[in-house]
Amino acid sequence: MSGELSVAEVTNHFLGRIEELNPSLQALVHVDARHAEEQVALRQRLIDSKEFLGPLVGIPTADKDLVRREGMPTGFGSRARDTAVHNDSSDPMAAWVDAVGALSVGKTATSEFGLAGYTEPDHLPPSRNPHNLEYQTGGSSGGAAAAVSAGLIPFAPGSDGGGSIRIPALACGVTGWKPTRGLIPAGHGLDSPGGLSVAGLITRSADDMDFIAGELIAGQMSTSTQAVERELPRQLRVGVTTTSPWPREWGIGPDADSTDAYERAIDALRREGHSVEQLTWEPDRDYQNYFLTLWAVGSANIEIAPDKERELTELTRYLRKIGARTSGVEYHRALRALGQFERDTISQFSRVDVVLTPGLAHAAPPVGYFSSDPETNFRQQVEFTPWTSFVNVSGLPAVAFPTHVGAKGLPMGAQVIGAPGADRALISLVAQIEHHVSDARVIPGS
């Protein structure tokens, strides 16, 4: 903070925004003004004493409701968890935010255990898109993206196991960063099946992302990985592709709005002097089965009291059932196959400096769009988000960002994917693109 405003003034501004707008958006499921007040006093003392003058000291944010924070409840987006119980310790992701002096004002909404690409828990009102309340936010970090988009908080931490940061960022017209696996020790991926889930950020723009990511990475590099920040050439070779690893017979592809958003990103890259070429990528077409195996085993490993199983959503129960009946041999086979998928993808992508894909296949759907039948539901999610999960499998960094406003007035965007460790360079590239598509950065309600 510059010192022009006190921590209390900044925090009260955002708490006022939350009080005014959150009842309609349902972006935050828990607002903790008392915790915020305690942290305001602590952060102001740090500033006044010049003991810690990092630029994020005293900046409000909120934790995703999958993350335990001391003194707050954690609901995990599920009625099967008791939100009356307040945590007696914090998870690494909360500590990651605390380490740079930011302060949490509460918890952002998520899908049940972060398993779905939309944010409509059975027992809570759905999170709603700030650009049109009849539409969804994406997920699973849907509350975080809606909160940043609507100006309830200036930035939000999130987690991404199959697109959970990038999907809602694209749906809500903000910028989402999924880091290189192992870069951020608060969510290194290695504690989830297949190393899928990592901690990342949602911000209003790539310029904001570059500033905040730099602060969070500084001094926080994982000692368990050799990942280092990689530079990119000034003039890049950008491979562009609409290919996804899902079955060809599903006919998945970008609709007209998605194509327009993708092509605007390509045009911006060319204006910046980068060369653009079609990338020929041949992913393993058995990806569908292997990814579902990992996702299901991960859900089956979530600890749920036996008498609470019936309180889970149909999708969660469906995934847990598949995971519970998966043998060790089948699980190992899926891990081995996806390990080969990772190697093949990195090898094929290494022919260029950066890969560009569309963002979402279509704009955020209306609230209530996804089927109650879990098999249909899973396929609908894939058809909505065909270019996100394979990035988690490959462990690569990716940034999703808006480039276009679609026919329904909803944001549309694209995704860039980089080599391992090229996170900061990738964010800088997105900042270049965003300056050419500034009309896509629409402030809700403006």
Protein backbone atom coordinates (compact mmCIF):
# COMPACT_ATOMS: atom_id res chain seq x y z
CA MET A 1 0.00 0.00 0.00
CA SER A 2 1.15 3.54 -0.76
CA GLY A 3 0.01 4.94 2.59
CA GLU A 4 -2.42 7.40 1.00
CA LEU A 5 -5.27 5.38 2.51
CA SER A 6 -5.28 3.50 5.78
CA VAL A 7 -5.76 -0.27 5.86
CA ALA A 8 -9.11 0.33 7.55
CA GLU A 9 -10.29 2.66 4.77
CA VAL A 10 -9.36 0.19 2.04
CA THR A 11 -10.89 -2.77 3.88
CA ASN A 12 -14.10 -0.91 4.71
CA HIS A 13 -14.49 0.03 1.05
CA PHE A 14 -14.42 -3.61 -0.02
CA LEU A 15 -16.59 -4.76 2.87
CA GLY A 16 -19.11 -2.16 1.75
CA ARG A 17 -19.02 -3.55 -1.78
CA ILE A 18 -19.58 -7.04 -0.38
CA GLU A 19 -22.52 -5.91 1.74
CA GLU A 20 -24.11 -4.18 -1.26
CA LEU A 21 -23.55 -6.75 -4.01
CA ASN A 22 -22.93 -10.16 -2.49
CA PRO A 23 -26.61 -10.91 -1.70
CA SER A 24 -27.32 -10.98 -5.45
CA LEU A 25 -24.00 -12.53 -6.57
CA GLN A 26 -23.45 -15.12 -3.82
CA ALA A 27 -19.72 -14.83 -4.51
CA LEU A 28 -18.78 -15.16 -0.83
CA VAL A 29 -20.31 -17.82 1.41
CA HIS A 30 -18.76 -16.47 4.61
CA VAL A 31 -17.90 -12.86 5.47
CA ASP A 32 -15.85 -12.39 8.62
CA ALA A 33 -15.73 -8.70 9.52
CA ARG A 34 -14.36 -9.49 12.99
CA HIS A 35 -11.37 -11.38 11.57
CA ALA A 36 -10.85 -8.58 9.06
CA GLU A 37 -10.89 -5.96 11.83
CA GLU A 38 -8.24 -7.87 13.79
CA GLN A 39 -6.06 -8.17 10.70
CA VAL A 40 -6.54 -4.50 9.81
CA ALA A 41 -5.03 -3.46 13.13
CA LEU A 42 -2.14 -5.89 12.75
CA ARG A 43 -1.37 -4.82 9.17
CA GLN A 44 -1.59 -1.13 10.03
CA ARG A 45 0.95 -1.62 12.83
CA LEU A 46 3.30 -3.29 10.35
CA ILE A 47 2.98 -0.34 8.00
CA ASP A 48 3.34 2.30 10.72
CA SER A 49 6.40 0.61 12.20
CA LYS A 50 7.91 0.09 8.72
CA GLU A 51 8.54 -3.46 9.90
CA PHE A 52 7.09 -4.94 6.70
CA LEU A 53 6.39 -2.71 3.73
CA GLY A 54 5.46 -5.14 0.98
CA PRO A 55 3.01 -3.67 -1.56
CA LEU A 56 0.28 -6.17 -0.69
CA VAL A 57 0.28 -5.44 3.04
CA GLY A 58 -3.28 -4.63 4.10
CA ILE A 59 -4.89 -5.49 0.75
CA PRO A 60 -8.15 -7.43 1.28
CA THR A 61 -8.85 -10.77 -0.38
CA ALA A 62 -10.81 -13.92 0.47
CA ASP A 63 -9.96 -17.61 0.68
CA LYS A 64 -11.62 -20.23 -1.48
CA ASP A 65 -13.97 -22.31 0.66
CA LEU A 66 -11.81 -25.40 0.19
CA VAL A 67 -9.04 -23.80 2.24
CA ARG A 68 -8.87 -23.95 6.01
CA ARG A 69 -8.13 -20.70 7.77
CA GLU A 70 -7.66 -20.50 11.53
CA GLY A 71 -10.76 -19.06 13.16
CA MET A 72 -13.03 -19.50 10.13
CA PRO A 73 -15.31 -22.34 9.05
CA THR A 74 -14.66 -24.30 5.87
CA GLY A 75 -17.70 -25.68 4.06
CA PHE A 76 -16.05 -27.23 0.98
CA GLY A 77 -19.19 -26.33 -0.96
CA SER A 78 -20.98 -29.29 0.63
CA ARG A 79 -23.84 -29.82 3.04
CA ALA A 80 -21.93 -32.91 4.22
CA ARG A 81 -19.47 -30.68 6.08
CA ASP A 82 -20.24 -28.82 9.32
CA THR A 83 -19.68 -25.08 8.89
CA ALA A 84 -20.33 -24.49 12.58
CA VAL A 85 -16.83 -25.84 13.28
CA HIS A 86 -14.12 -23.19 13.08
CA ASN A 87 -10.61 -24.29 12.11
CA ASP A 88 -7.81 -24.28 14.68
CA SER A 89 -5.07 -24.01 12.02
CA SER A 90 -4.54 -22.71 8.50
CA ASP A 91 -3.73 -24.54 5.27
CA PRO A 92 -0.62 -23.57 3.27
CA MET A 93 -2.71 -21.58 0.78
CA ALA A 94 -3.98 -19.32 3.57
CA ALA A 95 -0.44 -18.98 4.93
CA TRP A 96 0.72 -18.12 1.38
CA VAL A 97 -1.65 -15.11 1.38
CA ASP A 98 -0.69 -14.11 4.94
CA ALA A 99 3.03 -14.20 4.11
CA VAL A 100 2.71 -11.18 1.81
CA GLY A 101 0.57 -9.25 4.30
CA ALA A 102 -2.78 -9.47 2.52
CA LEU A 103 -5.83 -10.02 4.74
CA SER A 104 -8.79 -12.31 4.30
CA VAL A 105 -12.34 -11.03 4.72
CA GLY A 106 -13.98 -14.44 4.32
CA LYS A 107 -14.54 -17.40 2.00
CA THR A 108 -15.45 -17.50 -1.69
CA ALA A 109 -18.00 -19.96 -3.05
CA THR A 110 -16.95 -23.21 -4.71
CA SER A 111 -18.55 -26.31 -6.14
CA GLU A 112 -18.72 -29.34 -3.87
CA PHE A 113 -15.10 -30.22 -3.02
CA GLY A 114 -14.06 -28.35 -6.16
CA LEU A 115 -15.17 -31.24 -8.36
CA ALA A 116 -17.34 -29.32 -10.86
CA GLY A 117 -16.67 -26.58 -13.38
CA TYR A 118 -19.65 -24.56 -12.17
CA THR A 119 -20.59 -23.16 -8.76
CA GLU A 120 -24.08 -24.25 -7.76
CA PRO A 121 -23.93 -26.15 -4.45
CA ASP A 122 -27.15 -28.06 -3.71
CA HIS A 123 -27.61 -26.46 -0.29
CA LEU A 124 -26.70 -22.85 -1.14
CA PRO A 125 -27.86 -20.26 -3.68
CA PRO A 126 -25.84 -20.46 -6.92
CA SER A 127 -23.05 -18.01 -7.59
CA ARG A 128 -24.14 -15.65 -10.36
CA ASN A 129 -22.22 -13.96 -13.14
CA PRO A 130 -21.74 -10.22 -12.47
CA HIS A 131 -22.28 -9.49 -16.19
CA ASN A 132 -25.75 -11.07 -16.14
CA LEU A 133 -27.24 -12.62 -13.02
CA GLU A 134 -29.14 -15.21 -15.04
CA TYR A 135 -25.86 -16.87 -16.02
CA GLN A 136 -23.23 -18.97 -14.25
CA THR A 137 -19.77 -18.07 -13.01
CA GLY A 138 -18.01 -21.29 -13.99
CA GLY A 139 -16.08 -23.15 -11.32
CA SER A 140 -14.84 -24.41 -9.14
CA SER A 141 -13.40 -21.01 -8.12
CA GLY A 142 -16.62 -19.38 -9.29
CA GLY A 143 -17.12 -17.25 -6.21
CA ALA A 144 -13.55 -15.93 -6.43
CA ALA A 145 -13.92 -14.93 -10.10
CA ALA A 146 -17.29 -13.28 -9.52
CA ALA A 147 -15.93 -11.39 -6.50
CA VAL A 148 -12.95 -10.02 -8.44
CA SER A 149 -15.05 -9.23 -11.53
CA ALA A 150 -17.59 -7.28 -9.48
CA GLY A 151 -14.96 -5.45 -7.41
CA LEU A 152 -15.81 -7.11 -4.10
CA ILE A 153 -12.09 -7.85 -3.64
CA PRO A 154 -9.11 -6.75 -5.77
CA PHE A 155 -7.68 -10.25 -6.24
CA ALA A 156 -8.38 -13.80 -5.11
CA PRO A 157 -6.38 -16.96 -4.57
CA GLY A 158 -7.87 -20.08 -6.09
CA SER A 159 -7.01 -23.66 -6.88
CA ASP A 160 -7.00 -25.38 -10.26
CA GLY A 161 -7.20 -29.15 -10.71
CA GLY A 162 -8.86 -29.29 -14.13
CA GLY A 163 -9.50 -25.65 -14.98
CA SER A 164 -10.97 -24.40 -11.71
CA ILE A 165 -9.26 -21.00 -11.93
CA ARG A 166 -9.29 -20.53 -15.70
CA ILE A 167 -12.92 -21.57 -16.32
CA PRO A 168 -14.50 -18.97 -14.00
CA ALA A 169 -11.96 -16.32 -15.01
CA LEU A 170 -13.06 -16.76 -18.63
CA ALA A 171 -16.74 -16.86 -17.68
CA CYS A 172 -16.53 -13.68 -15.60
CA GLY A 173 -14.15 -11.67 -17.79
CA VAL A 174 -11.08 -11.58 -15.54
CA THR A 175 -7.58 -13.09 -15.69
CA GLY A 176 -6.73 -16.49 -14.21
CA TRP A 177 -3.27 -18.00 -13.72
CA LYS A 178 -2.65 -21.73 -13.27
CA PRO A 179 1.04 -22.05 -12.28
CA THR A 180 3.62 -24.60 -13.31
CA ARG A 181 3.25 -27.72 -11.17
CA GLY A 182 5.62 -27.40 -8.21
CA LEU A 183 6.18 -23.65 -8.52
CA ILE A 184 4.02 -22.66 -5.55
CA PRO A 185 4.58 -24.78 -2.43
CA ALA A 186 1.14 -23.83 -1.09
CA GLY A 187 -0.42 -26.05 -3.74
CA HIS A 188 2.29 -27.98 -5.53
CA GLY A 189 -0.02 -30.62 -7.01
CA LEU A 190 1.94 -33.56 -5.67
CA ASP A 191 -0.58 -34.22 -2.90
CA SER A 192 -3.42 -34.86 -5.40
CA PRO A 193 -3.92 -37.82 -7.74
CA GLY A 194 -1.81 -37.29 -10.83
CA GLY A 195 -0.45 -34.01 -9.45
CA LEU A 196 -3.42 -32.15 -10.90
CA SER A 197 -4.31 -29.42 -8.40
CA VAL A 198 -2.20 -26.29 -7.88
CA ALA A 199 -2.70 -22.95 -6.15
CA GLY A 200 -3.06 -19.89 -8.35
CA LEU A 201 -4.62 -16.44 -8.72
CA ILE A 202 -7.52 -14.51 -10.19
CA THR A 203 -7.04 -10.79 -10.89
CA ARG A 204 -8.70 -7.99 -12.86
CA SER A 205 -5.95 -7.92 -15.50
CA ALA A 206 -2.60 -9.37 -16.51
CA ASP A 207 -0.87 -6.20 -15.29
CA ASP A 208 -2.36 -6.82 -11.84
CA MET A 209 -1.45 -10.51 -12.16
CA ASP A 210 2.19 -9.73 -12.95
CA PHE A 211 2.45 -7.48 -9.90
CA ILE A 212 0.70 -9.82 -7.45
CA ALA A 213 2.20 -13.07 -8.78
CA GLY A 214 5.66 -11.56 -8.46
CA GLU A 215 5.05 -10.80 -4.81
CA LEU A 216 3.65 -14.24 -4.09
CA ILE A 217 6.39 -16.11 -5.94
CA ALA A 218 9.22 -14.07 -4.42
CA GLY A 219 10.78 -16.08 -1.64
CA GLN A 220 8.08 -18.74 -1.98
CA MET A 221 9.66 -20.94 -4.67
CA SER A 222 9.26 -24.58 -3.78
CA THR A 223 12.44 -26.32 -2.68
CA SER A 224 11.00 -29.64 -3.88
CA THR A 225 11.17 -28.69 -7.55
CA GLN A 226 13.74 -27.51 -10.01
CA ALA A 227 11.19 -25.14 -11.59
CA VAL A 228 12.76 -21.74 -12.25
CA GLU A 229 11.43 -18.63 -13.92
CA ARG A 230 12.11 -18.94 -17.64
CA GLU A 231 12.48 -16.08 -20.08
CA LEU A 232 10.82 -16.09 -23.49
CA PRO A 233 12.25 -14.66 -26.72
CA ARG A 234 11.10 -11.15 -27.62
CA GLN A 235 9.52 -12.39 -30.85
CA LEU A 236 7.70 -15.64 -30.14
CA ARG A 237 6.67 -18.58 -32.21
CA VAL A 238 3.09 -19.15 -31.14
CA GLY A 239 1.40 -22.43 -31.97
CA VAL A 240 -2.38 -22.15 -32.22
CA THR A 241 -4.76 -25.07 -31.95
CA THR A 242 -8.41 -25.88 -31.35
CA THR A 243 -7.60 -29.57 -30.81
CA SER A 244 -8.62 -31.12 -27.49
CA PRO A 245 -7.91 -34.63 -26.16
CA TRP A 246 -11.59 -35.55 -25.76
CA PRO A 247 -13.26 -38.01 -28.18
CA ARG A 248 -13.56 -36.68 -31.74
CA GLU A 249 -17.01 -38.19 -32.08
CA TRP A 250 -18.27 -35.82 -29.39
CA GLY A 251 -17.85 -33.04 -31.95
CA ILE A 252 -16.40 -30.59 -29.42
CA GLY A 253 -15.23 -27.25 -30.71
CA PRO A 254 -15.51 -23.48 -30.32
CA ASP A 255 -18.80 -21.81 -31.21
CA ALA A 256 -18.94 -18.50 -33.10
CA ASP A 257 -18.29 -16.32 -30.04
CA SER A 258 -15.47 -18.57 -28.86
CA THR A 259 -13.90 -18.49 -32.33
CA ASP A 260 -14.13 -14.69 -32.43
CA ALA A 261 -12.41 -14.46 -29.05
CA TYR A 262 -9.67 -16.85 -30.15
CA GLU A 263 -9.09 -15.00 -33.42
CA ARG A 264 -8.87 -11.64 -31.64
CA ALA A 265 -6.06 -13.08 -29.49
CA ILE A 266 -4.29 -14.30 -32.65
CA ASP A 267 -4.62 -10.86 -34.23
CA ALA A 268 -3.18 -9.20 -31.09
CA LEU A 269 -0.20 -11.57 -31.14
CA ARG A 270 0.52 -10.70 -34.75
CA ARG A 271 0.27 -6.98 -33.98
CA GLU A 272 2.94 -7.48 -31.34
CA GLY A 273 5.22 -9.00 -33.98
CA HIS A 274 4.94 -12.63 -32.90
CA SER A 275 4.76 -15.34 -35.55
CA VAL A 276 1.66 -17.52 -35.45
CA GLU A 277 1.45 -21.02 -36.88
CA GLN A 278 -0.95 -23.93 -36.70
CA LEU A 279 0.24 -26.50 -34.16
CA THR A 280 -0.27 -30.12 -35.11
CA TRP A 281 -1.00 -31.94 -31.89
CA GLU A 282 -2.07 -35.57 -31.67
CA PRO A 283 -3.20 -36.30 -28.10
CA ASP A 284 -3.93 -39.81 -26.85
CA ARG A 285 -7.63 -40.38 -27.54
CA ASP A 286 -7.97 -42.63 -24.48
CA TYR A 287 -7.44 -39.50 -22.36
CA GLN A 288 -11.14 -39.42 -21.45
CA ASN A 289 -11.01 -42.71 -19.55
CA TYR A 290 -7.70 -42.03 -17.83
CA PHE A 291 -8.65 -38.53 -16.68
CA LEU A 292 -12.02 -39.72 -15.36
CA THR A 293 -10.22 -42.46 -13.40
CA LEU A 294 -7.96 -39.92 -11.66
CA TRP A 295 -10.81 -37.48 -11.01
CA ALA A 296 -12.98 -40.26 -9.57
CA VAL A 297 -10.24 -41.73 -7.37
CA GLY A 298 -9.54 -38.26 -6.02
CA SER A 299 -13.20 -37.81 -5.10
CA ALA A 300 -13.35 -41.27 -3.50
CA ASN A 301 -10.45 -40.29 -1.24
CA ILE A 302 -12.36 -37.36 0.28
CA GLU A 303 -13.19 -38.26 3.87
CA ILE A 304 -16.95 -38.32 4.36
CA ALA A 305 -18.77 -39.76 7.36
CA PRO A 306 -20.89 -42.74 6.23
CA ASP A 307 -24.10 -41.11 7.40
CA LYS A 308 -23.29 -38.02 5.32
CA GLU A 309 -22.88 -39.78 1.95
CA ARG A 310 -26.53 -39.29 1.08
CA GLU A 311 -26.09 -35.52 1.49
CA LEU A 312 -23.58 -35.30 -1.38
CA THR A 313 -24.57 -34.11 -4.85
CA GLU A 314 -25.41 -36.66 -7.53
CA LEU A 315 -22.20 -35.80 -9.39
CA THR A 316 -19.99 -36.32 -6.32
CA ARG A 317 -21.65 -39.64 -5.50
CA TYR A 318 -21.25 -40.78 -9.12
CA LEU A 319 -17.54 -39.93 -9.11
CA ARG A 320 -16.98 -41.55 -5.70
CA LYS A 321 -18.69 -44.71 -6.87
CA ILE A 322 -16.40 -44.97 -9.88
CA GLY A 323 -13.36 -44.20 -7.75
CA ALA A 324 -14.26 -46.76 -5.08
CA ARG A 325 -14.53 -49.58 -7.59
CA THR A 326 -11.29 -48.68 -9.40
CA SER A 327 -8.60 -51.26 -8.69
CA GLY A 328 -5.02 -50.41 -7.87
CA VAL A 329 -3.98 -51.86 -11.22
CA GLU A 330 -6.45 -49.64 -13.10
CA TYR A 331 -5.35 -46.59 -11.16
CA HIS A 332 -1.68 -47.29 -11.86
CA ARG A 333 -2.47 -47.83 -15.54
CA ALA A 334 -4.19 -44.44 -15.68
CA LEU A 335 -1.26 -42.74 -13.94
CA ARG A 336 1.21 -44.33 -16.31
CA ALA A 337 -0.85 -43.40 -19.39
CA LEU A 338 -1.27 -39.79 -18.28
CA GLY A 339 2.43 -39.62 -17.48
CA GLN A 340 3.07 -40.54 -21.11
CA PHE A 341 0.42 -37.98 -22.15
CA GLU A 342 2.37 -35.35 -20.22
CA ARG A 343 5.65 -36.24 -21.90
CA ASP A 344 4.08 -36.35 -25.36
CA THR A 345 2.30 -33.03 -24.88
CA ILE A 346 5.40 -31.21 -23.61
CA SER A 347 7.42 -32.69 -26.49
CA GLN A 348 4.91 -31.64 -29.15
CA PHE A 349 4.36 -28.19 -27.61
CA SER A 350 8.15 -27.60 -27.43
CA ARG A 351 8.21 -27.03 -31.19
CA VAL A 352 6.94 -23.51 -30.41
CA ASP A 353 7.48 -21.03 -27.58
CA VAL A 354 3.84 -20.67 -26.52
CA VAL A 355 0.57 -22.42 -27.35
CA LEU A 356 -2.73 -20.56 -27.76
CA THR A 357 -6.11 -22.31 -27.49
CA PRO A 358 -9.67 -21.02 -27.28
CA GLY A 359 -10.92 -20.35 -23.76
CA LEU A 360 -14.37 -21.88 -23.30
CA ALA A 361 -16.27 -23.62 -26.10
CA HIS A 362 -19.23 -21.31 -25.49
CA ALA A 363 -20.20 -18.52 -23.11
CA ALA A 364 -21.21 -19.21 -19.53
CA PRO A 365 -24.53 -21.12 -19.59
CA PRO A 366 -27.64 -20.10 -17.66
CA VAL A 367 -27.93 -20.98 -13.99
CA GLY A 368 -29.37 -24.50 -13.73
CA TYR A 369 -28.00 -25.56 -17.14
CA PHE A 370 -26.11 -28.67 -16.06
CA SER A 371 -28.07 -31.91 -15.91
CA SER A 372 -28.96 -33.70 -12.69
CA ASP A 373 -27.92 -36.94 -14.41
CA PRO A 374 -24.21 -37.24 -13.49
CA GLU A 375 -23.01 -38.89 -16.71
CA THR A 376 -24.73 -36.24 -18.83
CA ASN A 377 -23.47 -33.58 -16.43
CA PHE A 378 -19.84 -34.69 -16.78
CA ARG A 379 -20.02 -34.64 -20.58
CA GLN A 380 -21.68 -31.20 -20.55
CA GLN A 381 -18.80 -29.88 -18.47
CA VAL A 382 -16.26 -31.33 -20.90
CA GLU A 383 -18.12 -29.79 -23.84
CA PHE A 384 -18.01 -26.42 -22.06
CA THR A 385 -14.34 -26.62 -21.01
CA PRO A 386 -12.44 -28.92 -23.43
CA TRP A 387 -9.06 -27.11 -23.27
CA THR A 388 -8.40 -26.86 -19.54
CA SER A 389 -7.86 -30.24 -17.84
CA PHE A 390 -5.05 -31.47 -20.10
CA VAL A 391 -2.92 -28.52 -18.92
CA ASN A 392 -3.16 -29.85 -15.35
CA VAL A 393 -2.23 -33.34 -16.50
CA SER A 394 0.81 -31.88 -18.28
CA GLY A 395 1.83 -29.70 -15.31
CA LEU A 396 2.27 -26.66 -17.55
CA PRO A 397 1.57 -22.99 -16.73
CA ALA A 398 -1.44 -21.35 -18.36
CA VAL A 399 -3.18 -17.98 -18.25
CA ALA A 400 -6.81 -17.42 -19.28
CA PHE A 401 -7.98 -13.92 -20.19
CA PRO A 402 -10.86 -12.04 -21.87
CA THR A 403 -10.59 -10.90 -25.49
CA HIS A 404 -14.18 -10.44 -26.65
CA VAL A 405 -17.74 -9.73 -25.54
CA GLY A 406 -20.11 -12.29 -27.04
CA ALA A 407 -23.56 -11.94 -28.55
CA LYS A 408 -25.20 -12.33 -25.12
CA GLY A 409 -23.04 -9.62 -23.60
CA LEU A 410 -21.00 -12.22 -21.74
CA PRO A 411 -17.18 -12.31 -21.68
CA MET A 412 -15.26 -14.68 -23.94
CA GLY A 413 -11.53 -15.28 -24.03
CA ALA A 414 -8.54 -17.42 -24.81
CA GLN A 415 -5.79 -19.36 -23.05
CA VAL A 416 -2.02 -19.32 -23.45
CA ILE A 417 0.11 -22.26 -22.31
CA GLY A 418 3.85 -22.07 -21.72
CA ALA A 419 6.82 -24.26 -21.03
CA PRO A 420 7.52 -25.35 -17.42
CA GLY A 421 8.63 -22.37 -15.35
CA ALA A 422 7.69 -19.73 -17.93
CA ASP A 423 4.91 -18.32 -15.71
CA ARG A 424 5.99 -14.67 -15.40
CA ALA A 425 6.88 -14.44 -19.09
CA LEU A 426 3.49 -15.91 -19.96
CA ILE A 427 1.70 -13.34 -17.82
CA SER A 428 3.69 -10.57 -19.52
CA LEU A 429 2.62 -11.90 -22.91
CA VAL A 430 -1.03 -11.77 -21.85
CA ALA A 431 -0.51 -8.14 -20.77
CA GLN A 432 0.65 -7.40 -24.33
CA ILE A 433 -2.47 -9.03 -25.78
CA GLU A 434 -4.83 -7.33 -23.34
CA HIS A 435 -3.73 -3.87 -24.50
CA HIS A 436 -5.06 -4.73 -27.98
CA VAL A 437 -8.40 -6.04 -26.73
CA SER A 438 -9.13 -3.54 -23.99
CA ASP A 439 -12.77 -3.30 -25.08
CA ALA A 440 -13.24 -6.85 -23.78
CA ARG A 441 -12.42 -5.73 -20.23
CA VAL A 442 -15.96 -4.74 -19.35
CA ILE A 443 -16.71 -3.71 -15.75
CA PRO A 444 -20.05 -5.26 -14.72
CA GLY A 445 -22.78 -2.67 -14.24
CA SER A 446 -20.85 0.06 -16.03
